[in-house]
Amino acid sequence: MPIYEYVCSACEHSLEALQKLSDAPLLECPSCHQDGLRKRMSSAGFRLKGGGWYETDFKSGAKKNLAGDSAKPAADSKPAKTESKPASTESK
């Protein structure tokens, strides 16, 4: 559940409320008891830093499925040959 910040337009009292996304916004100020609360815009209280989370973070040994393994060609396979054709020299 997100934490919303509110400020009262009548008395400038500010507060934080833990609410569901589906809950109606608060209107009555707990300090002056007037219908003057409005939501404030604020940033999130956490930051995701670093390389991120991967499926290998919580697996051990043979359970690790590395994403790059399936994309690598087998050691004994040979790359496909490509033929180059000379450009045609047609004159019109």
N, C-alpha and C. Protein backbone atom coordinates (compact mmCIF):
# COMPACT_ATOMS: atom_id res chain seq x y z
N MET A 1 0.85 -1.18 0.00
CA MET A 1 0.00 0.00 0.00
C MET A 1 0.89 1.24 0.00
N PRO A 2 0.56 2.20 -0.82
CA PRO A 2 1.38 3.42 -0.87
C PRO A 2 1.08 4.38 0.29
N ILE A 3 2.04 5.21 0.55
CA ILE A 3 1.88 6.26 1.56
C ILE A 3 1.66 7.57 0.83
N TYR A 4 0.55 8.23 1.11
CA TYR A 4 0.22 9.50 0.48
C TYR A 4 0.49 10.64 1.45
N GLU A 5 0.93 11.75 0.90
CA GLU A 5 1.14 12.96 1.71
C GLU A 5 -0.02 13.91 1.45
N TYR A 6 -0.52 14.51 2.52
CA TYR A 6 -1.61 15.47 2.43
C TYR A 6 -1.18 16.76 3.10
N VAL A 7 -1.77 17.86 2.67
CA VAL A 7 -1.57 19.15 3.31
C VAL A 7 -2.94 19.85 3.37
N CYS A 8 -3.20 20.52 4.47
CA CYS A 8 -4.47 21.23 4.66
C CYS A 8 -4.34 22.64 4.09
N SER A 9 -5.28 23.01 3.26
CA SER A 9 -5.24 24.36 2.67
C SER A 9 -5.69 25.42 3.66
N ALA A 10 -6.36 25.02 4.76
CA ALA A 10 -6.83 25.98 5.76
C ALA A 10 -5.76 26.29 6.81
N CYS A 11 -5.14 25.24 7.37
CA CYS A 11 -4.18 25.47 8.46
C CYS A 11 -2.75 25.06 8.12
N GLU A 12 -2.49 24.58 6.90
CA GLU A 12 -1.17 24.15 6.43
C GLU A 12 -0.61 22.95 7.20
N HIS A 13 -1.47 22.21 7.91
CA HIS A 13 -1.05 21.00 8.59
C HIS A 13 -0.75 19.94 7.54
N SER A 14 0.36 19.21 7.69
CA SER A 14 0.69 18.15 6.75
C SER A 14 0.72 16.81 7.47
N LEU A 15 0.36 15.75 6.72
CA LEU A 15 0.32 14.43 7.29
C LEU A 15 0.56 13.39 6.21
N GLU A 16 0.87 12.18 6.63
CA GLU A 16 1.04 11.05 5.73
C GLU A 16 -0.01 10.01 6.08
N ALA A 17 -0.56 9.35 5.06
CA ALA A 17 -1.58 8.34 5.29
C ALA A 17 -1.27 7.11 4.44
N LEU A 18 -1.35 5.94 5.06
CA LEU A 18 -1.16 4.68 4.37
C LEU A 18 -2.53 4.25 3.86
N GLN A 19 -2.70 4.24 2.53
CA GLN A 19 -4.00 3.95 1.94
C GLN A 19 -3.87 3.00 0.78
N LYS A 20 -4.94 2.28 0.48
CA LYS A 20 -5.01 1.46 -0.71
C LYS A 20 -5.17 2.38 -1.92
N LEU A 21 -4.83 1.87 -3.10
CA LEU A 21 -5.03 2.64 -4.32
C LEU A 21 -6.51 2.92 -4.57
N SER A 22 -7.37 2.00 -4.13
CA SER A 22 -8.80 2.15 -4.37
C SER A 22 -9.50 3.02 -3.33
N ASP A 23 -8.82 3.39 -2.23
CA ASP A 23 -9.44 4.22 -1.20
C ASP A 23 -9.68 5.64 -1.71
N ALA A 24 -10.75 6.25 -1.23
CA ALA A 24 -11.05 7.65 -1.57
C ALA A 24 -10.05 8.55 -0.85
N PRO A 25 -9.69 9.68 -1.46
CA PRO A 25 -8.75 10.59 -0.80
C PRO A 25 -9.36 11.18 0.48
N LEU A 26 -8.49 11.46 1.43
CA LEU A 26 -8.94 12.08 2.68
C LEU A 26 -9.34 13.53 2.42
N LEU A 27 -10.34 13.99 3.14
CA LEU A 27 -10.80 15.37 2.96
C LEU A 27 -10.70 16.18 4.24
N GLU A 28 -11.03 15.58 5.39
CA GLU A 28 -11.08 16.32 6.64
C GLU A 28 -9.72 16.35 7.32
N CYS A 29 -9.28 17.54 7.69
CA CYS A 29 -8.01 17.73 8.38
C CYS A 29 -8.16 17.29 9.84
N PRO A 30 -7.24 16.44 10.35
CA PRO A 30 -7.33 16.02 11.75
C PRO A 30 -6.97 17.14 12.73
N SER A 31 -6.35 18.19 12.26
CA SER A 31 -5.94 19.29 13.13
C SER A 31 -7.05 20.33 13.31
N CYS A 32 -7.59 20.84 12.19
CA CYS A 32 -8.60 21.90 12.27
C CYS A 32 -10.02 21.41 11.95
N HIS A 33 -10.16 20.15 11.55
CA HIS A 33 -11.45 19.51 11.25
C HIS A 33 -12.22 20.19 10.12
N GLN A 34 -11.53 20.81 9.18
CA GLN A 34 -12.17 21.39 8.01
C GLN A 34 -11.88 20.51 6.79
N ASP A 35 -12.72 20.61 5.79
CA ASP A 35 -12.52 19.85 4.56
C ASP A 35 -11.55 20.58 3.64
N GLY A 36 -10.29 20.58 4.00
CA GLY A 36 -9.31 21.30 3.21
C GLY A 36 -8.08 20.49 2.82
N LEU A 37 -8.11 19.17 3.01
CA LEU A 37 -6.94 18.36 2.68
C LEU A 37 -6.83 18.16 1.17
N ARG A 38 -5.58 18.23 0.70
CA ARG A 38 -5.31 17.92 -0.71
C ARG A 38 -4.01 17.12 -0.76
N LYS A 39 -3.94 16.22 -1.75
CA LYS A 39 -2.75 15.38 -1.88
C LYS A 39 -1.58 16.20 -2.38
N ARG A 40 -0.42 15.88 -1.86
CA ARG A 40 0.81 16.50 -2.34
C ARG A 40 1.51 15.55 -3.29
N MET A 41 2.21 16.10 -4.25
CA MET A 41 3.03 15.29 -5.15
C MET A 41 4.39 15.11 -4.49
N SER A 42 4.84 13.87 -4.40
CA SER A 42 6.15 13.61 -3.79
C SER A 42 6.80 12.43 -4.50
N SER A 43 8.07 12.28 -4.25
CA SER A 43 8.81 11.17 -4.88
C SER A 43 8.67 9.91 -4.04
N ALA A 44 9.01 8.80 -4.63
CA ALA A 44 8.95 7.52 -3.93
C ALA A 44 9.99 7.49 -2.81
N GLY A 45 9.73 6.68 -1.81
CA GLY A 45 10.61 6.59 -0.65
C GLY A 45 11.74 5.60 -0.81
N PHE A 46 11.94 5.04 -2.01
CA PHE A 46 13.04 4.10 -2.22
C PHE A 46 13.59 4.27 -3.62
N ARG A 47 14.79 3.79 -3.80
CA ARG A 47 15.44 3.85 -5.11
C ARG A 47 16.01 2.48 -5.41
N LEU A 48 15.86 2.05 -6.65
CA LEU A 48 16.47 0.80 -7.08
C LEU A 48 17.82 1.16 -7.70
N LYS A 49 18.89 0.73 -7.05
CA LYS A 49 20.23 1.05 -7.53
C LYS A 49 20.97 -0.23 -7.84
N GLY A 50 21.97 -0.14 -8.66
CA GLY A 50 22.81 -1.28 -8.93
C GLY A 50 22.43 -2.00 -10.20
N GLY A 51 22.90 -3.21 -10.32
CA GLY A 51 22.71 -4.00 -11.53
C GLY A 51 21.33 -4.60 -11.67
N GLY A 52 20.56 -4.66 -10.61
CA GLY A 52 19.22 -5.21 -10.69
C GLY A 52 19.17 -6.61 -10.12
N TRP A 53 17.99 -7.22 -10.25
CA TRP A 53 17.79 -8.58 -9.77
C TRP A 53 17.71 -9.51 -10.96
N TYR A 54 18.29 -10.64 -10.79
CA TYR A 54 18.32 -11.62 -11.87
C TYR A 54 17.81 -12.95 -11.35
N GLU A 55 17.42 -13.83 -12.26
CA GLU A 55 16.91 -15.13 -11.84
C GLU A 55 17.97 -15.97 -11.17
N THR A 56 19.24 -15.64 -11.36
CA THR A 56 20.32 -16.42 -10.75
C THR A 56 20.64 -15.98 -9.33
N ASP A 57 20.06 -14.89 -8.87
CA ASP A 57 20.39 -14.38 -7.54
C ASP A 57 19.99 -15.33 -6.41
N PHE A 58 18.92 -16.10 -6.59
CA PHE A 58 18.43 -16.94 -5.52
C PHE A 58 18.51 -18.42 -5.85
N LYS A 59 19.25 -18.77 -6.87
CA LYS A 59 19.42 -20.17 -7.24
C LYS A 59 20.87 -20.58 -6.99
N SER A 60 21.06 -21.88 -6.83
CA SER A 60 22.43 -22.34 -6.58
C SER A 60 22.74 -23.53 -7.48
N GLY A 61 24.00 -23.73 -7.75
CA GLY A 61 24.48 -24.90 -8.48
C GLY A 61 23.89 -25.04 -9.87
N ALA A 62 23.41 -26.26 -10.17
CA ALA A 62 22.89 -26.58 -11.51
C ALA A 62 21.54 -25.94 -11.78
N LYS A 63 20.92 -25.37 -10.76
CA LYS A 63 19.60 -24.75 -10.95
C LYS A 63 19.70 -23.42 -11.68
N LYS A 64 20.89 -22.86 -11.75
CA LYS A 64 21.06 -21.56 -12.40
C LYS A 64 20.87 -21.71 -13.90
N ASN A 65 19.95 -20.96 -14.45
CA ASN A 65 19.72 -20.93 -15.90
C ASN A 65 20.21 -19.59 -16.41
N LEU A 66 21.38 -19.58 -16.94
CA LEU A 66 21.93 -18.33 -17.43
C LEU A 66 21.32 -18.01 -18.78
N ALA A 67 20.86 -16.81 -18.95
CA ALA A 67 20.18 -16.40 -20.18
C ALA A 67 21.09 -16.51 -21.40
N GLY A 68 22.38 -16.28 -21.24
CA GLY A 68 23.31 -16.31 -22.36
C GLY A 68 23.65 -17.71 -22.84
N ASP A 69 23.40 -18.76 -22.03
CA ASP A 69 23.77 -20.12 -22.41
C ASP A 69 23.03 -20.62 -23.65
N SER A 70 21.75 -20.33 -23.75
CA SER A 70 20.97 -20.84 -24.88
C SER A 70 21.28 -20.09 -26.17
N ALA A 71 21.81 -18.90 -26.07
CA ALA A 71 22.11 -18.10 -27.26
C ALA A 71 23.49 -18.43 -27.83
N LYS A 72 24.35 -19.08 -27.04
CA LYS A 72 25.70 -19.38 -27.50
C LYS A 72 25.69 -20.60 -28.42
N PRO A 73 26.45 -20.58 -29.52
CA PRO A 73 26.52 -21.76 -30.38
C PRO A 73 27.36 -22.85 -29.71
N ALA A 74 27.09 -24.07 -30.06
CA ALA A 74 27.86 -25.19 -29.50
C ALA A 74 29.30 -25.09 -29.98
N ALA A 75 30.23 -25.64 -29.21
CA ALA A 75 31.66 -25.52 -29.52
C ALA A 75 32.03 -26.29 -30.78
N ASP A 76 31.31 -27.42 -31.05
CA ASP A 76 31.68 -28.21 -32.22
C ASP A 76 30.92 -27.79 -33.48
N SER A 77 30.00 -26.85 -33.37
CA SER A 77 29.28 -26.43 -34.58
C SER A 77 30.11 -25.41 -35.35
N LYS A 78 29.96 -25.44 -36.67
CA LYS A 78 30.71 -24.52 -37.53
C LYS A 78 29.78 -23.44 -38.03
N PRO A 79 30.28 -22.23 -38.19
CA PRO A 79 29.42 -21.17 -38.71
C PRO A 79 29.02 -21.47 -40.16
N ALA A 80 27.84 -21.03 -40.54
CA ALA A 80 27.36 -21.27 -41.90
C ALA A 80 28.18 -20.47 -42.88
N LYS A 81 28.44 -21.09 -44.06
CA LYS A 81 29.21 -20.40 -45.08
C LYS A 81 28.31 -19.42 -45.82
N THR A 82 28.89 -18.31 -46.16
CA THR A 82 28.15 -17.33 -46.96
C THR A 82 28.88 -17.17 -48.28
N GLU A 83 28.13 -17.23 -49.35
CA GLU A 83 28.72 -17.07 -50.67
C GLU A 83 28.53 -15.64 -51.12
N SER A 84 29.57 -15.12 -51.71
CA SER A 84 29.45 -13.77 -52.26
C SER A 84 29.43 -13.88 -53.79
N LYS A 85 28.44 -13.24 -54.37
CA LYS A 85 28.32 -13.25 -55.82
C LYS A 85 28.82 -11.93 -56.37
N PRO A 86 29.51 -11.98 -57.50
CA PRO A 86 29.97 -10.70 -58.07
C PRO A 86 28.76 -9.91 -58.56
N ALA A 87 28.86 -8.62 -58.47
CA ALA A 87 27.78 -7.73 -58.91
C ALA A 87 27.61 -7.84 -60.42
N SER A 88 26.38 -7.89 -60.86
CA SER A 88 26.14 -8.00 -62.30
C SER A 88 26.42 -6.67 -62.96
N THR A 89 26.95 -6.76 -64.16
CA THR A 89 27.29 -5.53 -64.89
C THR A 89 26.44 -5.44 -66.14
N GLU A 90 25.16 -5.19 -65.90
CA GLU A 90 24.26 -5.03 -67.05
C GLU A 90 24.19 -3.58 -67.41
N SER A 91 24.23 -3.29 -68.70
CA SER A 91 24.09 -1.92 -69.14
C SER A 91 22.79 -1.79 -69.91
N LYS A 92 22.12 -0.73 -69.70
CA LYS A 92 20.84 -0.52 -70.37
C LYS A 92 20.93 0.51 -71.44
